[in-house]
N, C-alpha and C. Protein backbone atom coordinates (compact mmCIF):
# COMPACT_ATOMS: atom_id res chain seq x y z
N MET A 1 1.33 -1.38 -0.05
CA MET A 1 -0.50 0.16 -0.61
C MET A 1 1.03 0.88 0.14
N ARG A 2 0.20 2.05 -0.67
CA ARG A 2 1.05 3.61 -1.18
C ARG A 2 0.35 4.24 -0.32
N LEU A 3 0.76 5.46 1.30
CA LEU A 3 0.47 5.67 1.82
C LEU A 3 0.41 7.22 2.79
N LEU A 4 -0.32 8.70 2.59
CA LEU A 4 0.01 9.45 2.38
C LEU A 4 -0.73 9.53 3.64
N LEU A 5 0.82 10.75 4.56
CA LEU A 5 0.02 10.81 6.02
C LEU A 5 -0.24 11.96 5.87
N ASP A 6 -1.59 12.13 6.24
CA ASP A 6 -2.04 13.17 6.63
C ASP A 6 -0.44 14.29 7.76
N THR A 7 -0.72 14.99 8.08
CA THR A 7 0.38 16.23 8.48
C THR A 7 -0.12 15.21 10.44
N HIS A 8 -1.77 14.75 10.76
CA HIS A 8 -1.53 15.55 11.86
C HIS A 8 -1.65 13.77 12.75
N VAL A 9 -1.37 12.76 11.09
CA VAL A 9 -0.52 12.01 11.34
C VAL A 9 0.80 11.96 11.74
N LEU A 10 0.87 12.86 10.72
CA LEU A 10 2.79 12.24 11.12
C LEU A 10 3.11 12.32 12.38
N LEU A 11 3.14 13.72 13.02
CA LEU A 11 3.15 14.10 14.27
C LEU A 11 2.29 12.63 14.80
N TRP A 12 1.13 12.88 16.09
CA TRP A 12 1.59 11.61 15.63
C TRP A 12 1.98 10.21 15.33
N SER A 13 2.42 9.59 14.48
CA SER A 13 3.34 8.21 13.80
C SER A 13 4.72 9.03 14.96
N LEU A 14 5.77 10.59 14.76
CA LEU A 14 6.89 10.61 15.00
C LEU A 14 6.81 10.58 16.96
N ALA A 15 5.35 10.53 17.14
CA ALA A 15 5.28 10.84 18.55
C ALA A 15 4.79 9.40 19.31
N ASP A 16 4.80 8.94 18.78
CA ASP A 16 4.54 7.80 19.20
C ASP A 16 2.86 8.05 19.98
N SER A 17 2.58 8.60 19.62
CA SER A 17 1.30 8.93 20.20
C SER A 17 -0.24 7.72 20.41
N PRO A 18 -0.56 7.35 21.94
CA PRO A 18 -1.56 6.91 21.70
C PRO A 18 -2.86 6.80 20.70
N GLU A 19 -3.15 8.45 20.02
CA GLU A 19 -4.22 8.92 19.44
C GLU A 19 -3.86 8.07 17.50
N LEU A 20 -2.94 7.43 17.37
CA LEU A 20 -2.67 7.64 16.02
C LEU A 20 -3.11 5.67 16.43
N PRO A 21 -4.11 4.78 15.60
CA PRO A 21 -5.21 3.92 15.93
C PRO A 21 -3.25 3.03 15.90
N PRO A 22 -3.26 1.39 16.24
CA PRO A 22 -2.72 0.39 16.26
C PRO A 22 -2.44 -0.36 14.75
N ASP A 23 -3.21 -0.76 14.29
CA ASP A 23 -3.64 -1.02 12.56
C ASP A 23 -2.94 -0.30 11.59
N LEU A 24 -4.12 1.29 12.26
CA LEU A 24 -2.32 2.48 10.86
C LEU A 24 -1.65 2.33 11.84
N ARG A 25 -1.03 2.52 12.15
CA ARG A 25 0.59 2.13 13.16
C ARG A 25 1.48 1.57 12.13
N GLU A 26 0.64 -0.37 12.43
CA GLU A 26 0.72 -1.09 11.54
C GLU A 26 1.76 -1.21 10.28
N LYS A 27 0.38 -0.12 9.52
CA LYS A 27 0.57 0.43 8.52
C LYS A 27 1.97 1.00 7.92
N ILE A 28 1.65 2.23 9.50
CA ILE A 28 2.79 2.15 8.43
C ILE A 28 4.35 2.04 8.50
N VAL A 29 4.23 1.22 9.65
CA VAL A 29 6.14 0.86 9.27
C VAL A 29 5.75 -0.89 9.19
N ASP A 30 5.39 -1.13 8.16
CA ASP A 30 5.22 -2.35 7.30
C ASP A 30 6.29 -2.11 6.28
N PRO A 31 7.26 -2.68 6.38
CA PRO A 31 8.33 -2.52 5.33
C PRO A 31 7.63 -2.73 4.00
N THR A 32 6.22 -3.62 3.46
CA THR A 32 5.72 -3.79 2.09
C THR A 32 5.37 -2.30 1.97
N ASN A 33 4.47 -1.14 3.20
CA ASN A 33 4.07 -0.77 2.22
C ASN A 33 4.62 1.12 2.07
N ASP A 34 4.71 1.28 1.34
CA ASP A 34 5.42 2.63 1.71
C ASP A 34 4.40 3.91 2.66
N ALA A 35 6.03 4.72 3.36
CA ALA A 35 4.38 5.67 3.77
C ALA A 35 5.47 7.32 3.22
N PHE A 36 4.51 7.61 2.41
CA PHE A 36 4.94 8.99 2.34
C PHE A 36 5.24 10.00 2.93
N VAL A 37 5.40 11.37 2.83
CA VAL A 37 5.53 12.67 3.46
C VAL A 37 5.11 14.40 3.25
N SER A 38 4.44 14.47 2.48
CA SER A 38 3.67 15.32 1.45
C SER A 38 5.10 16.28 2.57
N ALA A 39 5.10 17.61 1.28
CA ALA A 39 6.54 18.73 1.78
C ALA A 39 5.82 20.28 1.90
N ALA A 40 3.80 19.93 1.77
CA ALA A 40 3.31 20.07 2.23
C ALA A 40 2.91 20.92 3.69
N SER A 41 3.56 19.45 4.09
CA SER A 41 3.58 18.94 5.86
C SER A 41 3.74 19.62 6.82
N VAL A 42 5.15 19.33 6.03
CA VAL A 42 6.56 19.86 6.42
C VAL A 42 6.35 20.98 6.06
N TRP A 43 5.87 21.80 5.62
CA TRP A 43 5.90 23.77 5.75
C TRP A 43 4.74 23.81 6.79
N GLU A 44 3.55 23.28 7.23
CA GLU A 44 2.49 23.75 7.42
C GLU A 44 3.50 23.29 9.05
N ILE A 45 4.01 22.20 9.73
CA ILE A 45 4.20 21.99 11.26
C ILE A 45 5.70 22.99 11.25
N ALA A 46 6.10 23.45 10.25
CA ALA A 46 6.74 24.28 10.37
C ALA A 46 6.09 25.50 10.80
N ILE A 47 5.52 26.51 10.06
CA ILE A 47 4.26 27.59 10.31
C ILE A 47 3.69 27.20 11.95
N LYS A 48 3.13 25.81 11.85
CA LYS A 48 2.48 26.05 13.38
C LYS A 48 3.29 25.98 14.67
N LYS A 49 4.31 25.46 14.66
CA LYS A 49 5.89 24.79 15.40
C LYS A 49 6.03 26.75 15.53
N ARG A 50 5.96 27.37 14.62
CA ARG A 50 6.75 29.11 15.28
C ARG A 50 5.62 29.47 15.50
N LEU A 51 4.41 28.94 14.85
CA LEU A 51 3.29 30.60 15.84
C LEU A 51 2.61 29.82 17.33
N GLY A 52 4.05 28.91 17.59
CA GLY A 52 2.51 28.32 18.99
C GLY A 52 2.17 27.06 19.19
N LYS A 53 1.74 26.16 17.98
CA LYS A 53 0.51 26.30 17.38
C LYS A 53 0.77 24.30 18.03
N LEU A 54 1.82 23.99 17.85
CA LEU A 54 2.29 23.08 17.72
C LEU A 54 3.63 22.37 18.45
N ALA A 55 3.90 22.11 19.01
CA ALA A 55 5.16 21.32 18.74
C ALA A 55 4.93 19.93 17.59
N ALA A 56 6.38 20.31 18.39
CA ALA A 56 7.07 19.37 17.02
C ALA A 56 8.76 19.43 17.36
N PRO A 57 9.22 17.99 16.68
CA PRO A 57 11.33 17.96 16.81
C PRO A 57 11.64 19.46 15.87
N ASP A 58 13.17 19.54 16.53
CA ASP A 58 12.88 20.67 16.55
C ASP A 58 14.37 19.88 15.55
N ASN A 59 14.71 19.32 15.69
CA ASN A 59 15.13 18.47 14.35
C ASN A 59 14.40 17.71 13.02
N LEU A 60 13.10 18.65 12.80
CA LEU A 60 11.83 17.24 11.68
C LEU A 60 12.99 16.16 11.09
N LEU A 61 13.05 16.86 10.29
CA LEU A 61 13.93 16.08 9.09
C LEU A 61 14.97 15.25 9.32
N GLU A 62 15.28 15.39 9.79
CA GLU A 62 16.45 14.46 10.21
C GLU A 62 15.70 12.88 11.26
N VAL A 63 14.53 13.77 11.65
CA VAL A 63 13.88 12.46 13.01
C VAL A 63 12.65 11.88 10.97
N ILE A 64 12.21 12.47 9.86
CA ILE A 64 11.65 12.29 8.86
C ILE A 64 12.27 11.55 8.44
N GLU A 65 13.04 11.59 8.12
CA GLU A 65 14.74 10.65 7.69
C GLU A 65 14.74 9.09 7.85
N ALA A 66 14.18 9.58 9.65
CA ALA A 66 15.18 8.22 10.02
C ALA A 66 13.44 7.23 10.33
N CYS A 67 12.93 7.88 9.90
CA CYS A 67 11.79 7.24 10.16
C CYS A 67 11.52 6.17 8.48
N ASP A 68 12.05 6.80 7.09
CA ASP A 68 12.49 6.23 5.86
C ASP A 68 10.87 6.47 5.56
N PHE A 69 10.70 8.36 5.86
CA PHE A 69 9.52 7.97 5.04
C PHE A 69 10.06 8.81 3.98
N THR A 70 9.06 8.59 2.40
CA THR A 70 9.04 8.88 1.51
C THR A 70 8.80 10.12 1.04
N PRO A 71 10.52 11.05 0.60
CA PRO A 71 8.97 12.59 0.95
C PRO A 71 8.43 13.21 -0.89
N LEU A 72 7.40 13.45 -0.64
CA LEU A 72 6.65 13.68 -1.48
C LEU A 72 7.11 14.77 -2.19
N PRO A 73 7.67 16.12 -2.76
CA PRO A 73 7.85 17.40 -3.64
C PRO A 73 6.82 16.89 -3.70
N ILE A 74 6.28 18.90 -3.51
CA ILE A 74 5.22 19.74 -4.53
C ILE A 74 5.87 20.02 -5.98
N ASN A 75 4.91 19.88 -7.33
CA ASN A 75 5.66 19.63 -8.54
C ASN A 75 3.22 21.08 -8.88
N PHE A 76 4.28 21.39 -10.57
CA PHE A 76 3.02 21.82 -10.56
C PHE A 76 2.06 21.37 -10.71
N ALA A 77 1.76 20.72 -11.46
CA ALA A 77 0.98 19.73 -11.42
C ALA A 77 0.11 20.07 -9.43
N HIS A 78 0.78 19.37 -9.19
CA HIS A 78 0.07 18.93 -7.24
C HIS A 78 -0.60 20.61 -7.91
N ALA A 79 -0.06 21.13 -8.21
CA ALA A 79 -0.26 22.39 -7.49
C ALA A 79 -1.54 23.25 -8.09
N VAL A 80 -1.75 22.89 -9.47
CA VAL A 80 -2.74 23.18 -10.15
C VAL A 80 -3.83 22.43 -10.10
N ALA A 81 -3.75 21.30 -9.64
CA ALA A 81 -4.93 20.17 -9.00
C ALA A 81 -5.08 20.98 -7.74
N ALA A 82 -3.80 20.99 -6.73
CA ALA A 82 -4.84 21.49 -5.15
C ALA A 82 -6.36 22.66 -6.16
N GLY A 83 -5.75 24.10 -6.71
CA GLY A 83 -6.28 24.12 -7.54
C GLY A 83 -7.49 25.14 -7.48
N THR A 84 -7.80 23.73 -8.49
CA THR A 84 -8.54 23.40 -8.35
C THR A 84 -9.98 22.77 -8.25
N LEU A 85 -9.58 22.16 -7.21
CA LEU A 85 -10.21 21.12 -6.59
C LEU A 85 -12.20 21.93 -6.29
N PRO A 86 -13.01 21.05 -6.04
CA PRO A 86 -13.85 21.76 -5.52
C PRO A 86 -13.30 22.15 -4.21
N PRO A 87 -14.66 23.11 -3.73
CA PRO A 87 -14.44 23.11 -2.65
C PRO A 87 -14.85 23.13 -1.46
N HIS A 88 -14.84 21.71 -0.92
CA HIS A 88 -15.30 21.17 -0.17
C HIS A 88 -13.97 20.89 0.99
N HIS A 89 -13.67 22.03 1.17
CA HIS A 89 -11.80 21.87 2.60
C HIS A 89 -11.34 22.90 1.85
N ASP A 90 -11.25 23.90 2.86
CA ASP A 90 -10.86 25.29 1.86
C ASP A 90 -9.55 25.61 3.26
N ASP A 91 -8.72 24.57 3.45
CA ASP A 91 -7.12 24.52 4.03
C ASP A 91 -6.08 24.40 2.65
N PRO A 92 -5.74 24.57 2.79
CA PRO A 92 -5.28 25.11 1.38
C PRO A 92 -3.82 23.58 1.71
N PHE A 93 -3.28 23.76 3.01
CA PHE A 93 -2.03 22.00 2.87
C PHE A 93 -3.21 21.21 2.49
N ASP A 94 -4.49 20.88 3.53
CA ASP A 94 -4.64 19.96 3.31
C ASP A 94 -5.03 19.88 1.82
N ARG A 95 -6.30 20.62 1.69
CA ARG A 95 -5.59 20.65 -0.08
C ARG A 95 -4.80 20.00 -1.40
N MET A 96 -3.50 20.41 -0.88
CA MET A 96 -2.29 20.19 -1.24
C MET A 96 -2.88 17.92 -1.55
N LEU A 97 -2.44 17.63 0.19
CA LEU A 97 -2.49 16.30 0.72
C LEU A 97 -3.89 14.81 -0.22
N ILE A 98 -4.75 16.47 -0.34
CA ILE A 98 -5.28 15.90 -1.80
C ILE A 98 -5.62 15.44 -2.99
N ALA A 99 -4.87 17.03 -3.44
CA ALA A 99 -4.63 17.26 -4.46
C ALA A 99 -3.26 16.00 -5.04
N GLN A 100 -2.61 15.85 -4.30
CA GLN A 100 -1.40 14.73 -4.74
C GLN A 100 -1.53 13.71 -4.23
N ALA A 101 -2.59 13.18 -3.01
CA ALA A 101 -3.17 11.30 -3.27
C ALA A 101 -3.82 11.16 -4.73
N ARG A 102 -4.65 12.34 -4.45
CA ARG A 102 -5.35 11.64 -6.06
C ARG A 102 -3.96 11.77 -7.37
N ASP A 103 -3.25 12.24 -7.56
CA ASP A 103 -2.78 12.54 -8.47
C ASP A 103 -1.35 11.36 -8.88
N GLU A 104 -0.98 11.27 -7.33
CA GLU A 104 -0.27 9.37 -7.12
C GLU A 104 -0.85 8.66 -7.14
N GLY A 105 -2.20 9.25 -7.17
CA GLY A 105 -2.57 7.88 -6.17
C GLY A 105 -1.77 6.79 -5.64
N LEU A 106 -2.22 8.27 -4.41
CA LEU A 106 -1.63 7.54 -3.31
C LEU A 106 -3.46 7.23 -1.76
N VAL A 107 -3.26 6.66 -1.05
CA VAL A 107 -4.37 6.42 0.30
C VAL A 107 -3.78 7.46 1.38
N LEU A 108 -4.72 8.38 1.14
CA LEU A 108 -4.24 9.19 2.96
C LEU A 108 -4.65 9.29 3.53
N ALA A 109 -4.00 8.98 4.66
CA ALA A 109 -4.18 8.94 5.89
C ALA A 109 -4.73 9.73 6.95
N THR A 110 -5.59 9.73 7.15
CA THR A 110 -6.34 10.82 7.81
C THR A 110 -7.62 10.98 8.97
N ARG A 111 -7.87 12.01 9.44
CA ARG A 111 -9.16 12.06 10.98
C ARG A 111 -10.21 12.41 10.42
N ASP A 112 -10.19 13.80 9.52
CA ASP A 112 -10.41 14.50 9.11
C ASP A 112 -11.91 13.69 7.90
N ARG A 113 -12.81 13.96 8.35
CA ARG A 113 -14.04 13.71 7.68
C ARG A 113 -14.05 15.00 6.37
N ARG A 114 -13.24 15.55 6.37
CA ARG A 114 -13.59 16.28 5.00
C ARG A 114 -13.47 15.97 3.74
N PHE A 115 -12.55 14.95 4.14
CA PHE A 115 -11.76 14.53 2.44
C PHE A 115 -12.58 13.35 2.36
N GLY A 116 -13.07 12.74 2.70
CA GLY A 116 -14.29 12.45 1.71
C GLY A 116 -15.63 12.64 1.26
N ALA A 117 -15.50 13.79 0.65
CA ALA A 117 -15.62 14.34 -0.40
C ALA A 117 -15.04 13.99 -1.82
N TYR A 118 -14.23 13.63 -1.39
CA TYR A 118 -13.56 14.23 -2.83
C TYR A 118 -12.81 12.67 -3.01
N ARG A 119 -12.69 12.06 -4.98
CA ARG A 119 -12.64 11.05 -5.07
C ARG A 119 -10.98 10.43 -4.85
N ILE A 120 -10.97 9.84 -3.06
CA ILE A 120 -9.08 9.39 -3.68
C ILE A 120 -9.79 8.48 -2.08
N GLY A 121 -8.46 7.33 -1.72
CA GLY A 121 -8.74 6.72 -1.30
C GLY A 121 -7.93 7.41 -0.21
N LEU A 122 -8.95 6.80 1.66
CA LEU A 122 -8.87 7.12 2.82
C LEU A 122 -8.59 6.03 3.52
N LEU A 123 -7.96 6.47 4.68
CA LEU A 123 -7.48 5.18 5.70
C LEU A 123 -7.72 5.82 6.31
N LYS A 124 -8.56 5.60 7.87
CA LYS A 124 -9.47 6.17 8.84
C LYS A 124 -8.54 6.16 10.03
N ALA A 125 -7.57 7.77 10.19
CA ALA A 125 -6.76 7.38 11.28
C ALA A 125 -7.99 7.61 12.53
């Protein structure tokens, strides 16, 4: 399975949080699956950490790399797709994740119920 981790799922995974359902944790660490982390999530974490809205490791990139997550850069096609999505969800970071999941054929692991309005594969967190 090719998973794209929503930002909160990434943070729960990094913190070994009990918020992360055990079955999803197993899928994330399963070596037969590929867990992707979007540049949009790293950007969102950096902004919200600077604003004091969340806690994240100071060495976030090193921690993500140590977890063997696959980086997912943002390309022009992703940007166009995110900008043209129906307005079911207004958060620009989430819209980018939705566009990337759709364009790259990834299953998006999230707890956000609003993602269900889009035609993408979802895995409930």
